[in-house]
N, C-alpha and C. Protein backbone atom coordinates (compact mmCIF):
# COMPACT_ATOMS: atom_id res chain seq x y z
N MET A 1 8.30 28.90 70.34
CA MET A 1 9.07 27.70 70.42
C MET A 1 8.31 26.60 69.69
N ASN A 2 7.01 26.55 69.90
CA ASN A 2 6.17 25.62 69.29
C ASN A 2 6.19 25.64 67.77
N SER A 3 6.28 26.92 67.20
CA SER A 3 6.43 27.10 65.76
C SER A 3 7.83 26.57 65.19
N PHE A 4 8.80 26.73 66.05
CA PHE A 4 10.17 26.22 65.62
C PHE A 4 10.15 24.75 65.54
N ILE A 5 9.43 24.12 66.43
CA ILE A 5 9.32 22.56 66.29
C ILE A 5 8.52 22.14 65.12
N LYS A 6 7.48 22.85 64.84
CA LYS A 6 6.66 22.54 63.60
C LYS A 6 7.47 22.79 62.37
N LEU A 7 8.20 23.82 62.32
CA LEU A 7 9.06 24.12 61.17
C LEU A 7 10.14 23.10 61.04
N GLY A 8 10.69 22.71 62.12
CA GLY A 8 11.75 21.69 62.07
C GLY A 8 11.22 20.30 61.57
N VAL A 9 10.06 19.98 61.99
CA VAL A 9 9.36 18.78 61.51
C VAL A 9 9.13 18.83 60.02
N VAL A 10 8.66 19.94 59.54
CA VAL A 10 8.35 20.16 58.09
C VAL A 10 9.56 20.07 57.29
N VAL A 11 10.64 20.77 57.74
CA VAL A 11 11.97 20.70 57.04
C VAL A 11 12.49 19.26 56.96
N THR A 12 12.37 18.61 58.10
CA THR A 12 12.94 17.19 58.13
C THR A 12 12.15 16.30 57.16
N LEU A 13 10.86 16.50 57.08
CA LEU A 13 10.05 15.67 56.13
C LEU A 13 10.40 16.03 54.70
N VAL A 14 10.57 17.20 54.36
CA VAL A 14 10.89 17.62 53.08
C VAL A 14 12.32 17.08 52.61
N VAL A 15 13.27 17.09 53.55
CA VAL A 15 14.58 16.58 53.30
C VAL A 15 14.59 15.02 53.17
N LEU A 16 13.75 14.34 53.93
CA LEU A 16 13.62 12.91 53.80
C LEU A 16 12.95 12.62 52.44
N ALA A 17 11.94 13.23 52.13
CA ALA A 17 11.14 13.00 50.80
C ALA A 17 12.15 13.27 49.68
N ALA A 18 12.86 14.33 49.70
CA ALA A 18 13.82 14.62 48.63
C ALA A 18 14.94 13.62 48.49
N SER A 19 15.35 13.07 49.62
CA SER A 19 16.47 12.13 49.60
C SER A 19 15.97 10.71 49.14
N CYS A 20 14.70 10.47 49.35
CA CYS A 20 14.16 9.16 48.90
C CYS A 20 13.57 9.16 47.37
N ALA A 21 13.58 10.23 46.83
CA ALA A 21 13.02 10.36 45.45
C ALA A 21 14.06 9.76 44.44
N ASP A 22 13.51 8.97 43.53
CA ASP A 22 14.31 8.32 42.49
C ASP A 22 14.44 9.36 41.35
N LYS A 23 15.68 9.73 41.00
CA LYS A 23 15.90 10.73 39.92
C LYS A 23 15.60 10.17 38.57
N SER A 24 15.69 8.78 38.37
CA SER A 24 15.51 8.27 37.09
C SER A 24 14.03 8.18 36.70
N ARG A 25 13.15 8.23 37.63
CA ARG A 25 11.67 8.18 37.30
C ARG A 25 10.89 9.39 37.89
N PRO A 26 9.93 9.84 37.25
CA PRO A 26 9.17 10.96 37.83
C PRO A 26 8.35 10.50 39.12
N ASN A 27 8.17 11.35 39.92
CA ASN A 27 7.53 10.96 41.21
C ASN A 27 6.00 10.77 40.95
N TYR A 28 5.41 11.64 40.17
CA TYR A 28 4.01 11.44 39.96
C TYR A 28 3.76 11.33 38.42
N GLN A 29 2.82 10.41 38.13
CA GLN A 29 2.45 10.28 36.75
C GLN A 29 1.02 10.82 36.56
N TYR A 30 0.88 11.88 35.87
CA TYR A 30 -0.36 12.53 35.80
C TYR A 30 -1.27 11.75 34.76
N MET A 31 -0.64 11.26 33.66
CA MET A 31 -1.32 10.47 32.71
C MET A 31 -0.50 9.23 32.50
N PRO A 32 -0.68 8.19 33.27
CA PRO A 32 0.23 7.00 33.28
C PRO A 32 0.18 6.34 31.89
N ASN A 33 -0.83 6.36 31.08
CA ASN A 33 -0.81 5.65 29.80
C ASN A 33 0.15 6.25 28.86
N MET A 34 0.63 7.47 29.10
CA MET A 34 1.65 8.06 28.19
C MET A 34 2.97 7.46 28.55
N TYR A 35 3.18 7.00 29.80
CA TYR A 35 4.54 6.43 30.24
C TYR A 35 4.49 4.89 30.02
N GLU A 36 3.44 4.22 30.31
CA GLU A 36 3.37 2.80 30.27
C GLU A 36 2.20 2.40 29.41
N PRO A 37 2.40 2.27 28.09
CA PRO A 37 1.33 1.91 27.13
C PRO A 37 0.95 0.45 27.32
N VAL A 38 -0.30 0.24 27.01
CA VAL A 38 -0.83 -1.18 27.07
C VAL A 38 -1.05 -1.65 25.65
N GLY A 39 -0.49 -2.74 25.34
CA GLY A 39 -0.78 -3.35 23.91
C GLY A 39 -1.91 -4.31 23.95
N TYR A 40 -2.63 -4.38 22.88
CA TYR A 40 -3.72 -5.33 22.79
C TYR A 40 -3.57 -6.05 21.52
N GLU A 41 -3.93 -7.29 21.53
CA GLU A 41 -3.94 -8.11 20.28
C GLU A 41 -5.24 -7.73 19.52
N THR A 42 -5.09 -7.81 18.27
CA THR A 42 -6.17 -7.24 17.37
C THR A 42 -7.63 -7.88 17.63
N TYR A 43 -7.64 -9.13 17.69
CA TYR A 43 -8.97 -9.82 17.77
C TYR A 43 -9.27 -10.50 19.20
N GLU A 44 -8.53 -10.00 20.21
CA GLU A 44 -8.71 -10.58 21.55
C GLU A 44 -9.92 -9.93 22.31
N GLN A 45 -10.43 -10.57 23.23
CA GLN A 45 -11.51 -9.98 24.04
C GLN A 45 -10.80 -8.98 25.11
N VAL A 46 -11.41 -7.90 25.17
CA VAL A 46 -10.88 -6.85 26.17
C VAL A 46 -12.01 -6.38 27.05
N ASP A 47 -11.59 -5.87 28.22
CA ASP A 47 -12.61 -5.62 29.25
C ASP A 47 -13.14 -4.17 29.17
N PHE A 48 -12.51 -3.27 28.35
CA PHE A 48 -13.03 -1.91 28.29
C PHE A 48 -14.14 -1.76 27.33
N LEU A 49 -14.50 -2.72 26.46
CA LEU A 49 -15.65 -2.59 25.53
C LEU A 49 -16.93 -3.03 26.24
N PRO A 50 -17.96 -2.36 25.92
CA PRO A 50 -19.20 -2.79 26.57
C PRO A 50 -19.54 -4.23 26.35
N SER A 51 -20.05 -4.77 27.45
CA SER A 51 -20.58 -6.25 27.41
C SER A 51 -19.45 -7.21 26.90
N GLN A 52 -18.26 -7.01 27.14
CA GLN A 52 -17.19 -7.85 26.81
C GLN A 52 -17.15 -8.23 25.38
N GLN A 53 -17.41 -7.29 24.52
CA GLN A 53 -17.38 -7.35 22.98
C GLN A 53 -15.92 -7.55 22.63
N GLU A 54 -15.72 -8.01 21.44
CA GLU A 54 -14.42 -8.09 20.85
C GLU A 54 -14.42 -7.67 19.52
N ALA A 55 -13.28 -7.26 18.86
CA ALA A 55 -13.20 -6.86 17.54
C ALA A 55 -13.60 -7.99 16.66
N MET A 56 -14.49 -7.80 15.76
CA MET A 56 -15.06 -8.84 15.01
C MET A 56 -14.38 -8.99 13.65
N LEU A 57 -14.21 -10.22 13.16
CA LEU A 57 -13.70 -10.57 11.85
C LEU A 57 -14.81 -10.15 10.83
N PRO A 58 -14.42 -9.78 9.63
CA PRO A 58 -15.41 -9.48 8.65
C PRO A 58 -16.27 -10.75 8.39
N ALA A 59 -17.51 -10.50 8.00
CA ALA A 59 -18.35 -11.64 7.59
C ALA A 59 -17.76 -12.40 6.39
N GLU A 60 -18.11 -13.63 6.35
CA GLU A 60 -17.58 -14.45 5.28
C GLU A 60 -18.12 -14.02 3.94
N ASN A 61 -17.33 -14.11 2.89
CA ASN A 61 -17.65 -13.84 1.47
C ASN A 61 -18.09 -12.37 1.37
N THR A 62 -17.42 -11.47 2.10
CA THR A 62 -17.65 -10.10 1.83
C THR A 62 -16.39 -9.43 1.35
N ILE A 63 -16.44 -8.28 0.74
CA ILE A 63 -15.37 -7.60 0.23
C ILE A 63 -15.37 -6.15 0.75
N SER A 64 -14.32 -5.49 0.72
CA SER A 64 -14.24 -4.06 1.15
C SER A 64 -15.00 -3.19 0.13
N ARG A 65 -15.57 -2.11 0.65
CA ARG A 65 -16.30 -1.19 -0.22
C ARG A 65 -15.40 -0.58 -1.22
N GLY A 66 -15.81 -0.50 -2.46
CA GLY A 66 -14.92 0.14 -3.45
C GLY A 66 -13.91 -0.79 -4.14
N TRP A 67 -13.86 -2.04 -3.69
CA TRP A 67 -12.84 -2.91 -4.26
C TRP A 67 -13.58 -4.20 -4.85
N MET A 68 -13.21 -4.51 -6.03
CA MET A 68 -13.83 -5.63 -6.68
C MET A 68 -12.70 -6.65 -6.95
N PRO A 69 -12.91 -7.92 -6.58
CA PRO A 69 -11.92 -8.95 -6.83
C PRO A 69 -11.75 -9.19 -8.38
N TYR A 70 -10.47 -9.56 -8.71
CA TYR A 70 -10.22 -9.84 -10.12
C TYR A 70 -10.60 -11.30 -10.35
N GLY A 71 -11.26 -11.52 -11.49
CA GLY A 71 -11.88 -12.79 -11.77
C GLY A 71 -10.96 -13.89 -12.18
N PHE A 72 -9.59 -13.64 -12.43
CA PHE A 72 -8.70 -14.65 -12.96
C PHE A 72 -7.62 -14.89 -11.93
N GLU A 73 -7.23 -16.09 -11.84
CA GLU A 73 -6.30 -16.48 -10.80
C GLU A 73 -4.85 -16.08 -11.30
N ASN A 74 -3.89 -16.08 -10.37
CA ASN A 74 -2.56 -15.74 -10.60
C ASN A 74 -1.76 -17.02 -11.04
N THR A 75 -2.11 -17.54 -12.13
CA THR A 75 -1.52 -18.73 -12.68
C THR A 75 -1.35 -18.44 -14.22
N PRO A 76 -0.50 -19.24 -14.86
CA PRO A 76 -0.35 -19.10 -16.25
C PRO A 76 -1.68 -19.36 -17.13
N GLU A 77 -2.49 -20.27 -16.52
CA GLU A 77 -3.86 -20.53 -17.09
C GLU A 77 -4.69 -19.30 -16.98
N GLY A 78 -4.67 -18.67 -15.74
CA GLY A 78 -5.40 -17.40 -15.52
C GLY A 78 -5.09 -16.35 -16.47
N LYS A 79 -3.74 -16.23 -16.80
CA LYS A 79 -3.25 -15.19 -17.62
C LYS A 79 -3.77 -15.41 -19.02
N GLU A 80 -3.77 -16.71 -19.45
CA GLU A 80 -4.24 -16.98 -20.79
C GLU A 80 -5.77 -16.72 -20.87
N LEU A 81 -6.54 -17.03 -19.85
CA LEU A 81 -7.97 -16.63 -19.85
C LEU A 81 -8.19 -15.15 -19.84
N ALA A 82 -7.28 -14.36 -19.19
CA ALA A 82 -7.32 -12.93 -19.17
C ALA A 82 -6.99 -12.36 -20.55
N ARG A 83 -6.33 -13.17 -21.42
CA ARG A 83 -5.94 -12.65 -22.72
C ARG A 83 -7.13 -12.19 -23.55
N LEU A 84 -8.24 -12.92 -23.34
CA LEU A 84 -9.47 -12.58 -24.08
C LEU A 84 -10.41 -11.61 -23.41
N ASN A 85 -10.07 -11.12 -22.20
CA ASN A 85 -10.73 -10.19 -21.46
C ASN A 85 -10.70 -8.82 -21.99
N PRO A 86 -11.72 -8.17 -22.42
CA PRO A 86 -11.75 -6.90 -23.05
C PRO A 86 -11.74 -5.84 -21.95
N SER A 87 -11.30 -4.67 -22.22
CA SER A 87 -11.36 -3.49 -21.24
C SER A 87 -12.82 -3.15 -20.93
N PRO A 88 -13.14 -2.91 -19.67
CA PRO A 88 -14.54 -2.48 -19.36
C PRO A 88 -14.67 -0.94 -19.41
N LEU A 89 -13.68 -0.22 -19.83
CA LEU A 89 -13.77 1.24 -19.86
C LEU A 89 -14.68 1.64 -21.02
N ASP A 90 -15.27 2.82 -20.88
CA ASP A 90 -16.14 3.35 -21.76
C ASP A 90 -15.47 3.78 -23.00
N SER A 91 -15.82 3.28 -24.21
CA SER A 91 -15.14 3.61 -25.45
C SER A 91 -15.34 5.02 -25.89
N LEU A 92 -16.42 5.61 -25.45
CA LEU A 92 -16.71 7.00 -25.75
C LEU A 92 -15.66 7.97 -25.10
N GLN A 93 -15.06 7.59 -24.02
CA GLN A 93 -14.10 8.38 -23.28
C GLN A 93 -12.70 7.84 -23.52
N ARG A 94 -12.42 7.29 -24.66
CA ARG A 94 -11.12 6.67 -24.96
C ARG A 94 -10.04 7.72 -24.81
N GLU A 95 -10.20 8.90 -25.30
CA GLU A 95 -9.10 9.92 -25.32
C GLU A 95 -8.79 10.33 -23.84
N ALA A 96 -9.83 10.48 -23.11
CA ALA A 96 -9.61 10.86 -21.66
C ALA A 96 -8.99 9.73 -20.91
N ASN A 97 -9.39 8.53 -21.20
CA ASN A 97 -8.76 7.35 -20.50
C ASN A 97 -7.34 7.14 -20.95
N LEU A 98 -7.00 7.48 -22.16
CA LEU A 98 -5.61 7.34 -22.66
C LEU A 98 -4.78 8.44 -21.93
N ALA A 99 -5.26 9.68 -21.80
CA ALA A 99 -4.60 10.73 -21.18
C ALA A 99 -4.23 10.41 -19.71
N VAL A 100 -5.21 9.95 -19.02
CA VAL A 100 -4.97 9.54 -17.58
C VAL A 100 -4.01 8.36 -17.61
N GLY A 101 -4.21 7.36 -18.50
CA GLY A 101 -3.38 6.16 -18.51
C GLY A 101 -1.94 6.58 -18.86
N GLY A 102 -1.77 7.64 -19.73
CA GLY A 102 -0.37 8.08 -20.00
C GLY A 102 0.28 8.67 -18.81
N GLU A 103 -0.44 9.53 -18.06
CA GLU A 103 0.21 10.06 -16.84
C GLU A 103 0.43 9.00 -15.78
N LEU A 104 -0.32 8.02 -15.62
CA LEU A 104 -0.03 7.00 -14.70
C LEU A 104 1.11 6.17 -15.17
N TYR A 105 1.20 5.85 -16.47
CA TYR A 105 2.25 5.16 -17.05
C TYR A 105 3.59 5.86 -16.80
N GLY A 106 3.62 7.20 -16.98
CA GLY A 106 4.80 7.96 -16.75
C GLY A 106 5.34 7.88 -15.31
N ILE A 107 4.25 7.76 -14.37
CA ILE A 107 4.62 7.62 -12.98
C ILE A 107 5.10 6.32 -12.60
N TYR A 108 4.46 5.25 -12.94
CA TYR A 108 4.71 3.92 -12.46
C TYR A 108 5.54 3.03 -13.43
N CYS A 109 5.37 3.20 -14.72
CA CYS A 109 5.86 2.18 -15.70
C CYS A 109 7.17 2.68 -16.47
N ALA A 110 7.18 3.96 -16.76
CA ALA A 110 8.26 4.46 -17.71
C ALA A 110 9.63 4.31 -17.16
N ILE A 111 9.83 4.25 -15.88
CA ILE A 111 11.08 4.11 -15.28
C ILE A 111 11.78 2.91 -15.71
N CYS A 112 11.02 1.83 -15.99
CA CYS A 112 11.57 0.59 -16.47
C CYS A 112 11.38 0.33 -18.00
N HIS A 113 10.11 0.61 -18.42
CA HIS A 113 9.71 0.22 -19.78
C HIS A 113 10.01 1.34 -20.77
N GLY A 114 10.33 2.56 -20.31
CA GLY A 114 10.59 3.63 -21.19
C GLY A 114 9.40 4.34 -21.52
N ASN A 115 9.51 5.66 -21.96
CA ASN A 115 8.35 6.50 -22.28
C ASN A 115 7.62 6.02 -23.56
N LYS A 116 8.24 5.30 -24.42
CA LYS A 116 7.62 4.74 -25.67
C LYS A 116 7.30 3.27 -25.57
N GLY A 117 7.62 2.60 -24.41
CA GLY A 117 7.37 1.18 -24.34
C GLY A 117 8.45 0.30 -25.01
N ALA A 118 9.54 0.86 -25.34
CA ALA A 118 10.58 0.08 -26.02
C ALA A 118 11.51 -0.68 -25.05
N GLY A 119 11.25 -0.71 -23.84
CA GLY A 119 11.98 -1.41 -22.81
C GLY A 119 13.31 -0.78 -22.55
N GLN A 120 13.42 0.62 -22.72
CA GLN A 120 14.65 1.32 -22.47
C GLN A 120 14.36 2.48 -21.54
N GLY A 121 13.92 2.13 -20.22
CA GLY A 121 13.66 3.11 -19.26
C GLY A 121 14.96 3.48 -18.60
N THR A 122 14.89 4.40 -17.70
CA THR A 122 16.11 4.95 -17.03
C THR A 122 16.80 3.87 -16.28
N LEU A 123 16.10 2.94 -15.57
CA LEU A 123 16.74 1.90 -14.90
C LEU A 123 17.36 0.89 -15.71
N VAL A 124 16.88 0.67 -16.91
CA VAL A 124 17.44 -0.32 -17.89
C VAL A 124 18.72 0.32 -18.48
N LYS A 125 18.68 1.60 -18.78
CA LYS A 125 19.85 2.30 -19.35
C LYS A 125 20.96 2.33 -18.34
N ARG A 126 20.69 2.48 -17.03
CA ARG A 126 21.66 2.53 -16.01
C ARG A 126 22.06 1.13 -15.59
N GLU A 127 21.47 0.07 -16.21
CA GLU A 127 21.83 -1.30 -15.87
C GLU A 127 21.51 -1.64 -14.43
N LYS A 128 20.42 -1.08 -13.94
CA LYS A 128 19.99 -1.49 -12.59
C LYS A 128 19.07 -2.75 -12.63
N ILE A 129 18.31 -2.83 -13.73
CA ILE A 129 17.50 -3.99 -14.12
C ILE A 129 17.79 -4.38 -15.50
N LEU A 130 17.63 -5.65 -15.81
CA LEU A 130 17.93 -6.07 -17.18
C LEU A 130 16.74 -6.93 -17.67
N GLY A 131 16.60 -7.03 -18.92
CA GLY A 131 15.59 -7.95 -19.53
C GLY A 131 14.21 -7.41 -19.67
N VAL A 132 14.04 -6.05 -19.79
CA VAL A 132 12.63 -5.56 -19.98
C VAL A 132 12.45 -5.47 -21.44
N PRO A 133 11.50 -6.24 -21.96
CA PRO A 133 11.36 -6.40 -23.45
C PRO A 133 10.55 -5.20 -23.92
N SER A 134 10.58 -5.04 -25.24
CA SER A 134 9.79 -4.02 -25.88
C SER A 134 8.33 -4.52 -26.05
N TYR A 135 7.43 -3.57 -25.98
CA TYR A 135 5.99 -3.94 -26.34
C TYR A 135 5.81 -4.43 -27.72
N ALA A 136 6.70 -4.06 -28.68
CA ALA A 136 6.62 -4.34 -30.05
C ALA A 136 7.12 -5.82 -30.26
N ASP A 137 7.68 -6.44 -29.35
CA ASP A 137 8.18 -7.79 -29.37
C ASP A 137 7.03 -8.73 -29.71
N ALA A 138 7.13 -9.36 -30.94
CA ALA A 138 6.01 -10.21 -31.36
C ALA A 138 5.87 -11.48 -30.49
N ALA A 139 6.86 -11.87 -29.89
CA ALA A 139 6.74 -13.13 -29.11
C ALA A 139 5.92 -12.94 -27.82
N ARG A 140 5.88 -11.67 -27.40
CA ARG A 140 5.09 -11.37 -26.19
C ARG A 140 3.62 -11.50 -26.41
N ASN A 141 3.10 -11.03 -27.49
CA ASN A 141 1.68 -11.23 -27.81
C ASN A 141 0.86 -10.62 -26.68
N ILE A 142 1.08 -9.42 -26.28
CA ILE A 142 0.29 -8.85 -25.17
C ILE A 142 -1.01 -8.26 -25.63
N THR A 143 -2.06 -8.40 -24.81
CA THR A 143 -3.36 -7.84 -25.01
C THR A 143 -3.65 -6.91 -23.78
N VAL A 144 -4.81 -6.17 -23.91
CA VAL A 144 -5.21 -5.39 -22.81
C VAL A 144 -5.52 -6.28 -21.62
N GLY A 145 -5.97 -7.47 -21.76
CA GLY A 145 -6.31 -8.28 -20.63
C GLY A 145 -5.00 -8.85 -19.95
N THR A 146 -4.05 -9.22 -20.78
CA THR A 146 -2.75 -9.73 -20.15
C THR A 146 -1.95 -8.57 -19.46
N THR A 147 -2.11 -7.42 -20.05
CA THR A 147 -1.45 -6.26 -19.45
C THR A 147 -2.05 -5.93 -17.98
N TYR A 148 -3.34 -6.01 -17.96
CA TYR A 148 -4.06 -5.86 -16.68
C TYR A 148 -3.66 -6.88 -15.72
N HIS A 149 -3.70 -8.17 -16.18
CA HIS A 149 -3.33 -9.33 -15.36
C HIS A 149 -1.94 -9.13 -14.74
N THR A 150 -1.01 -8.72 -15.57
CA THR A 150 0.32 -8.49 -15.13
C THR A 150 0.41 -7.39 -14.05
N MET A 151 -0.32 -6.36 -14.24
CA MET A 151 -0.26 -5.24 -13.26
C MET A 151 -0.98 -5.68 -11.97
N GLN A 152 -1.92 -6.52 -12.08
CA GLN A 152 -2.74 -6.99 -10.89
C GLN A 152 -1.87 -7.93 -10.04
N TYR A 153 -1.14 -8.87 -10.70
CA TYR A 153 -0.46 -9.87 -9.96
C TYR A 153 1.15 -9.77 -10.01
N GLY A 154 1.61 -9.02 -11.03
CA GLY A 154 3.03 -8.91 -11.30
C GLY A 154 3.49 -10.08 -12.10
N LEU A 155 4.70 -10.02 -12.67
CA LEU A 155 5.25 -11.13 -13.53
C LEU A 155 6.70 -10.99 -13.34
N ASN A 156 7.32 -12.14 -13.19
CA ASN A 156 8.78 -12.25 -13.06
C ASN A 156 9.36 -11.25 -12.06
N SER A 157 10.24 -10.36 -12.47
CA SER A 157 10.80 -9.43 -11.45
C SER A 157 9.90 -8.19 -11.22
N MET A 158 8.91 -8.07 -12.05
CA MET A 158 7.92 -6.99 -11.88
C MET A 158 6.87 -7.23 -10.84
N GLY A 159 6.83 -6.44 -9.80
CA GLY A 159 5.74 -6.65 -8.80
C GLY A 159 4.40 -6.24 -9.23
N SER A 160 3.43 -6.52 -8.35
CA SER A 160 2.04 -6.03 -8.44
C SER A 160 1.91 -4.56 -8.26
N TYR A 161 1.03 -3.97 -9.04
CA TYR A 161 0.76 -2.55 -8.81
C TYR A 161 -0.66 -2.31 -8.29
N ALA A 162 -1.29 -3.49 -7.79
CA ALA A 162 -2.67 -3.36 -7.29
C ALA A 162 -2.78 -2.54 -6.07
N SER A 163 -1.68 -2.38 -5.34
CA SER A 163 -1.77 -1.55 -4.16
C SER A 163 -1.53 0.03 -4.44
N GLN A 164 -0.99 0.23 -5.66
CA GLN A 164 -0.60 1.65 -6.05
C GLN A 164 -1.82 2.22 -6.90
N MET A 165 -2.47 1.45 -7.63
CA MET A 165 -3.56 1.96 -8.55
C MET A 165 -4.78 1.18 -8.28
N ASN A 166 -5.95 1.79 -8.47
CA ASN A 166 -7.21 1.08 -8.26
C ASN A 166 -7.57 0.34 -9.71
N ASN A 167 -8.65 -0.48 -9.77
CA ASN A 167 -8.94 -1.24 -10.98
C ASN A 167 -9.08 -0.35 -12.11
N HIS A 168 -9.78 0.76 -12.01
CA HIS A 168 -10.03 1.70 -13.17
C HIS A 168 -8.82 2.27 -13.71
N GLU A 169 -7.82 2.64 -12.76
CA GLU A 169 -6.61 3.23 -13.25
C GLU A 169 -5.72 2.21 -13.97
N MET A 170 -5.80 0.94 -13.49
CA MET A 170 -5.01 -0.10 -14.15
C MET A 170 -5.52 -0.42 -15.56
N TRP A 171 -6.82 -0.36 -15.72
CA TRP A 171 -7.39 -0.49 -17.02
C TRP A 171 -6.92 0.66 -17.94
N GLN A 172 -6.92 1.86 -17.41
CA GLN A 172 -6.51 3.01 -18.24
C GLN A 172 -5.04 2.81 -18.62
N VAL A 173 -4.13 2.41 -17.71
CA VAL A 173 -2.76 2.13 -18.13
C VAL A 173 -2.63 0.93 -19.15
N SER A 174 -3.52 -0.07 -19.01
CA SER A 174 -3.48 -1.15 -19.94
C SER A 174 -3.79 -0.66 -21.27
N GLU A 175 -4.85 0.20 -21.45
CA GLU A 175 -5.18 0.69 -22.73
C GLU A 175 -4.02 1.57 -23.29
N TYR A 176 -3.39 2.31 -22.47
CA TYR A 176 -2.38 3.20 -22.91
C TYR A 176 -1.12 2.27 -23.39
N VAL A 177 -0.88 1.16 -22.71
CA VAL A 177 0.15 0.31 -23.19
C VAL A 177 -0.16 -0.33 -24.44
N MET A 178 -1.46 -0.57 -24.74
CA MET A 178 -1.79 -1.13 -26.16
C MET A 178 -1.57 0.03 -27.17
N LYS A 179 -1.92 1.30 -26.72
CA LYS A 179 -1.58 2.37 -27.71
C LYS A 179 -0.10 2.42 -28.08
N LEU A 180 0.80 2.35 -27.00
CA LEU A 180 2.22 2.33 -27.18
C LEU A 180 2.64 1.11 -28.09
N LYS A 181 2.00 -0.02 -27.92
CA LYS A 181 2.34 -1.20 -28.70
C LYS A 181 2.00 -0.93 -30.16
N GLN A 182 0.83 -0.30 -30.41
CA GLN A 182 0.43 -0.03 -31.73
C GLN A 182 1.34 0.99 -32.33
N ASP A 183 1.81 2.03 -31.63
CA ASP A 183 2.69 3.02 -32.13
C ASP A 183 4.10 2.41 -32.53
N LEU A 184 4.56 1.41 -31.70
CA LEU A 184 5.79 0.76 -31.98
C LEU A 184 5.80 -0.10 -33.21
N THR A 185 4.68 -0.75 -33.44
CA THR A 185 4.63 -1.66 -34.59
C THR A 185 4.34 -1.04 -35.93
N LYS A 186 4.12 0.32 -35.90
CA LYS A 186 3.82 0.98 -37.15
C LYS A 186 5.12 1.09 -38.00
């Protein structure tokens, strides 16, 4: 008889627990951060770092490793100063630089400027963008420095390519553009 009472109490407790359970939420959270994430502001002080440290801003006048700032401003005057800027690439590796520059040009530039630099890329032919001039246009008077400046900052409807290519690659493409210009003016 005593075991029937104990069994009845256990069954009653199980029935009560099951009826009180919320079906929309789990009863137990084994890893609560997976269910309820905590967001933190980037540079705020947080309590889980040792001695109440906070994420620190970079030191003043420092640059990221592997990145060098461009010495000319994004202004018409800066572009004119860049006109006289020669390519820093090794002239002994000119053919290798032109080969790599040609590959990168085909990836990033030919869609608008065309494979030969005549301003007749696929997007121009389909009339998706208009007004892409030829490199042979004498009024443009492009140099390797202005080509690099344009890729660094963008010009008119052309955006910057500084996030897609590093400095060395942009110089390689600039030299390849000058080769295309020379081929077009022959």
